[in-house]
Amino acid sequence: MKQDADGFEDDKGNQAGPSPRRGRRLSEIFAKLAREAKDDISIGDIRDALGNRSFAPLLVLFAAFNLLPLPPGASAVLGLPLLIVAAQMAFGSNRAWLPAFISRRSLSPEQFRTVTDWTVPRLIRLEEVIRPRYWPFWRRQGDRVVGFIALILSVSITLPIPLGNWLPAFATALLGLALSERDGILFVVGSMVGVASLAVISVVVGGAGFATHAFMVWLG
């Protein structure tokens, strides 16, 4: 019996079941990148350092950018790379591609460490309770399902809704972690948070629309 990256195959090439994802955890990868950063580090450098695990870590990283306290409107810019990565996952790409204007964008070592100083401790706490379990997908099927959900969430992140990007970004980060660790329970939690975030956004948008309509009627 031979083993591929996502599970075991029998001698006929049929997959017998998913295997735990091994290797360094995301907190270790991001901490190492921050520790070794001497010059500006570009988004392309980060993607290349992540290698063939780039999809899930990039989801977590770009989602983390949108969890930081940033000026209004920043999510319209920071949500774009998240949307691009999620779309590629949903359509079954094998490797994350980013347009040059995004991959060339760089952070100074200090800026990158600011992001990782906020992200890594929280990742470590999450990684203490997540592990490969109950993963319901075969091979790259999970990438496409997570990518499709993340695509919907990333669209909502880019909308100019005050404080409307935090909850879908948090859900996307959870889904990226679930994919990285093959944790089916975290996948369910992330999906539920995603549904809740969309419900909140719908209520906010609907309430704003109702208020606008009522105001126009009052003016008329």
C-alpha atoms as a PDB file:
ATOM      1  CA  MET A   1       0.000   0.000   0.000  1.00  0.00           C
ATOM      2  CA  LYS A   2       1.344   3.395  -0.952  1.00  0.00           C
ATOM      3  CA  GLN A   3       0.568   6.766   0.517  1.00  0.00           C
ATOM      4  CA  ASP A   4      -0.004  10.133  -1.105  1.00  0.00           C
ATOM      5  CA  ALA A   5      -0.280  13.554   0.492  1.00  0.00           C
ATOM      6  CA  ASP A   6      -3.960  13.211   1.279  1.00  0.00           C
ATOM      7  CA  GLY A   7      -4.396   9.562   2.161  1.00  0.00           C
ATOM      8  CA  PHE A   8      -3.584   5.928   1.561  1.00  0.00           C
ATOM      9  CA  GLU A   9      -4.048   4.088  -1.687  1.00  0.00           C
ATOM     10  CA  ASP A  10      -4.208   0.373  -2.209  1.00  0.00           C
ATOM     11  CA  ASP A  11      -2.233  -1.450  -4.864  1.00  0.00           C
ATOM     12  CA  LYS A  12      -4.914  -0.700  -7.446  1.00  0.00           C
ATOM     13  CA  GLY A  13      -4.710   3.001  -6.802  1.00  0.00           C
ATOM     14  CA  ASN A  14      -7.969   3.262  -4.875  1.00  0.00           C
ATOM     15  CA  GLN A  15      -7.821   5.492  -1.889  1.00  0.00           C
ATOM     16  CA  ALA A  16      -8.509   3.665   1.331  1.00  0.00           C
ATOM     17  CA  GLY A  17      -8.927   6.603   3.652  1.00  0.00           C
ATOM     18  CA  PRO A  18      -7.567  10.011   4.605  1.00  0.00           C
ATOM     19  CA  SER A  19      -4.364  10.208   6.576  1.00  0.00           C
ATOM     20  CA  PRO A  20      -3.399  12.896   9.065  1.00  0.00           C
ATOM     21  CA  ARG A  21      -1.680  15.907   7.570  1.00  0.00           C
ATOM     22  CA  ARG A  22       1.884  15.896   8.860  1.00  0.00           C
ATOM     23  CA  GLY A  23       4.621  18.491   8.861  1.00  0.00           C
ATOM     24  CA  ARG A  24       5.107  21.815  10.538  1.00  0.00           C
ATOM     25  CA  ARG A  25       2.054  23.634  11.740  1.00  0.00           C
ATOM     26  CA  LEU A  26       1.122  27.054  10.411  1.00  0.00           C
ATOM     27  CA  SER A  27       2.219  28.821  13.576  1.00  0.00           C
ATOM     28  CA  GLU A  28       5.700  27.351  13.146  1.00  0.00           C
ATOM     29  CA  ILE A  29       5.855  28.325   9.467  1.00  0.00           C
ATOM     30  CA  PHE A  30       4.788  31.919  10.079  1.00  0.00           C
ATOM     31  CA  ALA A  31       7.041  32.265  13.133  1.00  0.00           C
ATOM     32  CA  LYS A  32      10.037  31.001  11.130  1.00  0.00           C
ATOM     33  CA  LEU A  33       9.327  33.431   8.293  1.00  0.00           C
ATOM     34  CA  ALA A  34       9.108  36.332  10.741  1.00  0.00           C
ATOM     35  CA  ARG A  35      12.222  35.236  12.628  1.00  0.00           C
ATOM     36  CA  GLU A  36      14.340  34.949   9.489  1.00  0.00           C
ATOM     37  CA  ALA A  37      13.051  38.076   7.741  1.00  0.00           C
ATOM     38  CA  LYS A  38      15.972  40.453   7.164  1.00  0.00           C
ATOM     39  CA  ASP A  39      14.654  42.437   4.197  1.00  0.00           C
ATOM     40  CA  ASP A  40      11.221  43.306   2.902  1.00  0.00           C
ATOM     41  CA  ILE A  41       9.140  40.182   2.430  1.00  0.00           C
ATOM     42  CA  SER A  42       6.691  40.078  -0.467  1.00  0.00           C
ATOM     43  CA  ILE A  43       3.428  38.178  -0.731  1.00  0.00           C
ATOM     44  CA  GLY A  44       5.114  36.101  -3.441  1.00  0.00           C
ATOM     45  CA  ASP A  45       7.958  35.243  -1.055  1.00  0.00           C
ATOM     46  CA  ILE A  46       5.436  34.031   1.507  1.00  0.00           C
ATOM     47  CA  ARG A  47       3.609  31.915  -1.074  1.00  0.00           C
ATOM     48  CA  ASP A  48       6.870  30.349  -2.272  1.00  0.00           C
ATOM     49  CA  ALA A  49       7.995  29.625   1.295  1.00  0.00           C
ATOM     50  CA  LEU A  50       4.735  27.797   1.944  1.00  0.00           C
ATOM     51  CA  GLY A  51       5.332  25.496  -1.039  1.00  0.00           C
ATOM     52  CA  ASN A  52       2.621  22.988  -1.900  1.00  0.00           C
ATOM     53  CA  ARG A  53       0.722  23.842   1.277  1.00  0.00           C
ATOM     54  CA  SER A  54       0.160  27.379   0.048  1.00  0.00           C
ATOM     55  CA  PHE A  55      -3.648  27.419  -0.252  1.00  0.00           C
ATOM     56  CA  ALA A  56      -4.637  26.828   3.377  1.00  0.00           C
ATOM     57  CA  PRO A  57      -1.880  29.027   4.886  1.00  0.00           C
ATOM     58  CA  LEU A  58      -2.658  31.846   2.449  1.00  0.00           C
ATOM     59  CA  LEU A  59      -6.318  31.688   3.460  1.00  0.00           C
ATOM     60  CA  VAL A  60      -5.279  32.002   7.107  1.00  0.00           C
ATOM     61  CA  LEU A  61      -2.739  34.761   6.402  1.00  0.00           C
ATOM     62  CA  PHE A  62      -4.998  36.938   4.251  1.00  0.00           C
ATOM     63  CA  ALA A  63      -7.888  36.399   6.639  1.00  0.00           C
ATOM     64  CA  ALA A  64      -5.612  37.475   9.505  1.00  0.00           C
ATOM     65  CA  PHE A  65      -4.867  40.746   7.678  1.00  0.00           C
ATOM     66  CA  ASN A  66      -8.600  41.457   7.698  1.00  0.00           C
ATOM     67  CA  LEU A  67      -8.863  40.697  11.424  1.00  0.00           C
ATOM     68  CA  LEU A  68      -6.424  43.474  12.313  1.00  0.00           C
ATOM     69  CA  PRO A  69      -7.782  46.907  13.324  1.00  0.00           C
ATOM     70  CA  LEU A  70      -7.402  48.827  10.067  1.00  0.00           C
ATOM     71  CA  PRO A  71      -8.799  52.073   8.612  1.00  0.00           C
ATOM     72  CA  PRO A  72     -12.292  51.945   7.043  1.00  0.00           C
ATOM     73  CA  GLY A  73     -12.202  50.693   3.464  1.00  0.00           C
ATOM     74  CA  ALA A  74      -9.030  48.640   3.939  1.00  0.00           C
ATOM     75  CA  SER A  75     -10.981  45.396   3.585  1.00  0.00           C
ATOM     76  CA  ALA A  76     -11.818  46.297  -0.029  1.00  0.00           C
ATOM     77  CA  VAL A  77      -8.085  46.027  -0.780  1.00  0.00           C
ATOM     78  CA  LEU A  78      -7.088  43.259   1.639  1.00  0.00           C
ATOM     79  CA  GLY A  79     -10.097  41.138   0.710  1.00  0.00           C
ATOM     80  CA  LEU A  80      -9.019  40.971  -2.945  1.00  0.00           C
ATOM     81  CA  PRO A  81      -6.112  38.489  -2.552  1.00  0.00           C
ATOM     82  CA  LEU A  82      -8.351  36.371  -0.316  1.00  0.00           C
ATOM     83  CA  LEU A  83     -10.987  36.337  -3.046  1.00  0.00           C
ATOM     84  CA  ILE A  84      -8.413  35.376  -5.720  1.00  0.00           C
ATOM     85  CA  VAL A  85      -7.004  32.488  -3.675  1.00  0.00           C
ATOM     86  CA  ALA A  86     -10.465  31.196  -2.742  1.00  0.00           C
ATOM     87  CA  ALA A  87     -11.610  31.303  -6.379  1.00  0.00           C
ATOM     88  CA  GLN A  88      -8.602  29.229  -7.485  1.00  0.00           C
ATOM     89  CA  MET A  89      -9.316  26.676  -4.763  1.00  0.00           C
ATOM     90  CA  ALA A  90     -12.980  26.467  -5.774  1.00  0.00           C
ATOM     91  CA  PHE A  91     -12.013  25.839  -9.405  1.00  0.00           C
ATOM     92  CA  GLY A  92      -9.436  23.178  -8.548  1.00  0.00           C
ATOM     93  CA  SER A  93      -6.104  24.918  -9.177  1.00  0.00           C
ATOM     94  CA  ASN A  94      -3.042  22.985  -8.064  1.00  0.00           C
ATOM     95  CA  ARG A  95      -0.970  25.946  -6.920  1.00  0.00           C
ATOM     96  CA  ALA A  96      -1.839  29.404  -5.703  1.00  0.00           C
ATOM     97  CA  TRP A  97      -1.315  32.064  -8.360  1.00  0.00           C
ATOM     98  CA  LEU A  98      -1.384  35.738  -7.544  1.00  0.00           C
ATOM     99  CA  PRO A  99      -1.259  38.634 -10.015  1.00  0.00           C
ATOM    100  CA  ALA A 100       2.012  40.525 -10.068  1.00  0.00           C
ATOM    101  CA  PHE A 101       0.576  43.656  -8.443  1.00  0.00           C
ATOM    102  CA  ILE A 102      -0.318  41.519  -5.404  1.00  0.00           C
ATOM    103  CA  SER A 103       2.644  39.116  -5.309  1.00  0.00           C
ATOM    104  CA  ARG A 104       5.074  42.057  -5.504  1.00  0.00           C
ATOM    105  CA  ARG A 105       3.449  43.860  -2.600  1.00  0.00           C
ATOM    106  CA  SER A 106       5.830  43.642   0.307  1.00  0.00           C
ATOM    107  CA  LEU A 107       5.955  44.256   4.021  1.00  0.00           C
ATOM    108  CA  SER A 108       8.946  45.392   5.974  1.00  0.00           C
ATOM    109  CA  PRO A 109      10.264  42.887   8.521  1.00  0.00           C
ATOM    110  CA  GLU A 110       8.693  45.028  11.237  1.00  0.00           C
ATOM    111  CA  GLN A 111       5.291  45.108   9.526  1.00  0.00           C
ATOM    112  CA  PHE A 112       5.350  41.372   8.908  1.00  0.00           C
ATOM    113  CA  ARG A 113       6.279  40.715  12.527  1.00  0.00           C
ATOM    114  CA  THR A 114       3.393  42.936  13.631  1.00  0.00           C
ATOM    115  CA  VAL A 115       1.041  40.633  11.738  1.00  0.00           C
ATOM    116  CA  THR A 116       2.670  37.439  12.992  1.00  0.00           C
ATOM    117  CA  ASP A 117       2.954  38.736  16.579  1.00  0.00           C
ATOM    118  CA  TRP A 118      -0.837  39.064  16.546  1.00  0.00           C
ATOM    119  CA  THR A 119      -1.519  35.897  14.566  1.00  0.00           C
ATOM    120  CA  VAL A 120       0.955  33.288  15.848  1.00  0.00           C
ATOM    121  CA  PRO A 121      -0.069  33.222  19.557  1.00  0.00           C
ATOM    122  CA  ARG A 122      -3.706  32.810  18.546  1.00  0.00           C
ATOM    123  CA  LEU A 123      -2.775  30.106  16.070  1.00  0.00           C
ATOM    124  CA  ILE A 124      -0.868  28.243  18.765  1.00  0.00           C
ATOM    125  CA  ARG A 125      -3.885  28.297  21.078  1.00  0.00           C
ATOM    126  CA  LEU A 126      -6.103  26.976  18.299  1.00  0.00           C
ATOM    127  CA  GLU A 127      -3.578  24.331  17.261  1.00  0.00           C
ATOM    128  CA  GLU A 128      -3.594  22.948  20.795  1.00  0.00           C
ATOM    129  CA  VAL A 129      -7.173  21.759  20.307  1.00  0.00           C
ATOM    130  CA  ILE A 130      -7.350  20.976  16.580  1.00  0.00           C
ATOM    131  CA  ARG A 131      -6.067  17.794  15.001  1.00  0.00           C
ATOM    132  CA  PRO A 132      -6.810  15.456  12.073  1.00  0.00           C
ATOM    133  CA  ARG A 133     -10.263  13.986  12.765  1.00  0.00           C
ATOM    134  CA  TYR A 134     -13.557  13.279  11.014  1.00  0.00           C
ATOM    135  CA  TRP A 135     -12.379  14.875   7.774  1.00  0.00           C
ATOM    136  CA  PRO A 136     -15.230  14.166   5.324  1.00  0.00           C
ATOM    137  CA  PHE A 137     -13.462  14.849   2.045  1.00  0.00           C
ATOM    138  CA  TRP A 138     -11.194  12.838  -0.276  1.00  0.00           C
ATOM    139  CA  ARG A 139      -8.049  14.117  -1.930  1.00  0.00           C
ATOM    140  CA  ARG A 140      -8.521  17.689  -3.211  1.00  0.00           C
ATOM    141  CA  GLN A 141     -12.266  17.645  -2.717  1.00  0.00           C
ATOM    142  CA  GLY A 142     -11.801  19.461   0.585  1.00  0.00           C
ATOM    143  CA  ASP A 143      -9.799  22.237  -1.113  1.00  0.00           C
ATOM    144  CA  ARG A 144     -12.669  22.887  -3.515  1.00  0.00           C
ATOM    145  CA  VAL A 145     -15.389  22.841  -0.858  1.00  0.00           C
ATOM    146  CA  VAL A 146     -13.438  25.118   1.488  1.00  0.00           C
ATOM    147  CA  GLY A 147     -12.525  27.324  -1.475  1.00  0.00           C
ATOM    148  CA  PHE A 148     -16.176  27.687  -2.496  1.00  0.00           C
ATOM    149  CA  ILE A 149     -17.234  28.675   1.024  1.00  0.00           C
ATOM    150  CA  ALA A 150     -14.258  31.023   1.386  1.00  0.00           C
ATOM    151  CA  LEU A 151     -15.104  32.608  -1.984  1.00  0.00           C
ATOM    152  CA  ILE A 152     -18.577  33.558  -0.754  1.00  0.00           C
ATOM    153  CA  LEU A 153     -17.137  34.889   2.504  1.00  0.00           C
ATOM    154  CA  SER A 154     -14.367  36.845   0.765  1.00  0.00           C
ATOM    155  CA  VAL A 155     -16.935  38.616  -1.417  1.00  0.00           C
ATOM    156  CA  SER A 156     -18.702  39.761   1.749  1.00  0.00           C
ATOM    157  CA  ILE A 157     -15.361  40.861   3.229  1.00  0.00           C
ATOM    158  CA  THR A 158     -14.760  43.261   0.341  1.00  0.00           C
ATOM    159  CA  LEU A 159     -18.167  44.937   0.749  1.00  0.00           C
ATOM    160  CA  PRO A 160     -18.055  48.409   2.349  1.00  0.00           C
ATOM    161  CA  ILE A 161     -20.011  47.391   5.443  1.00  0.00           C
ATOM    162  CA  PRO A 162     -18.791  48.901   8.741  1.00  0.00           C
ATOM    163  CA  LEU A 163     -17.303  46.094  10.871  1.00  0.00           C
ATOM    164  CA  GLY A 164     -18.813  43.635   8.400  1.00  0.00           C
ATOM    165  CA  ASN A 165     -15.528  42.033   7.447  1.00  0.00           C
ATOM    166  CA  TRP A 166     -14.388  40.713  10.838  1.00  0.00           C
ATOM    167  CA  LEU A 167     -16.727  37.762  11.303  1.00  0.00           C
ATOM    168  CA  PRO A 168     -16.422  36.370   7.722  1.00  0.00           C
ATOM    169  CA  ALA A 169     -12.632  36.826   7.939  1.00  0.00           C
ATOM    170  CA  PHE A 170     -12.605  34.891  11.216  1.00  0.00           C
ATOM    171  CA  ALA A 171     -14.696  32.123   9.630  1.00  0.00           C
ATOM    172  CA  THR A 172     -12.290  31.984   6.672  1.00  0.00           C
ATOM    173  CA  ALA A 173      -9.306  31.675   9.001  1.00  0.00           C
ATOM    174  CA  LEU A 174     -11.009  28.783  10.813  1.00  0.00           C
ATOM    175  CA  LEU A 175     -11.731  27.051   7.502  1.00  0.00           C
ATOM    176  CA  GLY A 176      -8.124  27.497   6.394  1.00  0.00           C
ATOM    177  CA  LEU A 177      -6.930  25.931   9.636  1.00  0.00           C
ATOM    178  CA  ALA A 178      -9.437  23.105   9.303  1.00  0.00           C
ATOM    179  CA  LEU A 179      -8.149  22.353   5.806  1.00  0.00           C
ATOM    180  CA  SER A 180      -4.526  22.497   6.905  1.00  0.00           C
ATOM    181  CA  GLU A 181      -5.058  20.104   9.800  1.00  0.00           C
ATOM    182  CA  ARG A 182      -7.847  18.001   8.219  1.00  0.00           C
ATOM    183  CA  ASP A 183     -10.067  18.747  11.218  1.00  0.00           C
ATOM    184  CA  GLY A 184     -13.696  17.977  10.373  1.00  0.00           C
ATOM    185  CA  ILE A 185     -15.014  19.427  13.631  1.00  0.00           C
ATOM    186  CA  LEU A 186     -13.279  22.753  13.011  1.00  0.00           C
ATOM    187  CA  PHE A 187     -14.623  22.681   9.446  1.00  0.00           C
ATOM    188  CA  VAL A 188     -18.176  22.479  10.837  1.00  0.00           C
ATOM    189  CA  VAL A 189     -17.464  25.266  13.343  1.00  0.00           C
ATOM    190  CA  GLY A 190     -15.941  27.492  10.661  1.00  0.00           C
ATOM    191  CA  SER A 191     -18.885  26.846   8.340  1.00  0.00           C
ATOM    192  CA  MET A 192     -21.366  27.720  11.098  1.00  0.00           C
ATOM    193  CA  VAL A 193     -19.500  30.945  11.879  1.00  0.00           C
ATOM    194  CA  GLY A 194     -19.535  31.701   8.148  1.00  0.00           C
ATOM    195  CA  VAL A 195     -23.312  31.212   7.938  1.00  0.00           C
ATOM    196  CA  ALA A 196     -23.772  33.391  11.033  1.00  0.00           C
ATOM    197  CA  SER A 197     -21.579  36.121   9.518  1.00  0.00           C
ATOM    198  CA  LEU A 198     -23.620  36.143   6.309  1.00  0.00           C
ATOM    199  CA  ALA A 199     -26.821  36.308   8.346  1.00  0.00           C
ATOM    200  CA  VAL A 200     -25.495  39.302  10.295  1.00  0.00           C
ATOM    201  CA  ILE A 201     -24.479  41.058   7.077  1.00  0.00           C
ATOM    202  CA  SER A 202     -27.905  40.361   5.567  1.00  0.00           C
ATOM    203  CA  VAL A 203     -29.595  41.867   8.613  1.00  0.00           C
ATOM    204  CA  VAL A 204     -27.343  44.947   8.503  1.00  0.00           C
ATOM    205  CA  VAL A 205     -27.834  45.485   4.765  1.00  0.00           C
ATOM    206  CA  GLY A 206     -31.571  44.809   5.009  1.00  0.00           C
ATOM    207  CA  GLY A 207     -31.917  47.175   7.964  1.00  0.00           C
ATOM    208  CA  ALA A 208     -29.993  49.887   6.140  1.00  0.00           C
ATOM    209  CA  GLY A 209     -32.168  49.423   3.066  1.00  0.00           C
ATOM    210  CA  PHE A 210     -35.356  49.598   5.129  1.00  0.00           C
ATOM    211  CA  ALA A 211     -34.157  52.713   6.939  1.00  0.00           C
ATOM    212  CA  THR A 212     -33.229  54.383   3.647  1.00  0.00           C
ATOM    213  CA  HIS A 213     -36.612  53.534   2.142  1.00  0.00           C
ATOM    214  CA  ALA A 214     -38.436  54.836   5.243  1.00  0.00           C
ATOM    215  CA  PHE A 215     -36.418  58.056   5.141  1.00  0.00           C
ATOM    216  CA  MET A 216     -37.204  58.601   1.450  1.00  0.00           C
ATOM    217  CA  VAL A 217     -40.916  57.997   2.129  1.00  0.00           C
ATOM    218  CA  TRP A 218     -40.773  60.498   5.008  1.00  0.00           C
ATOM    219  CA  LEU A 219     -39.108  63.072   2.752  1.00  0.00           C
ATOM    220  CA  GLY A 220     -41.714  62.455   0.056  1.00  0.00           C
END
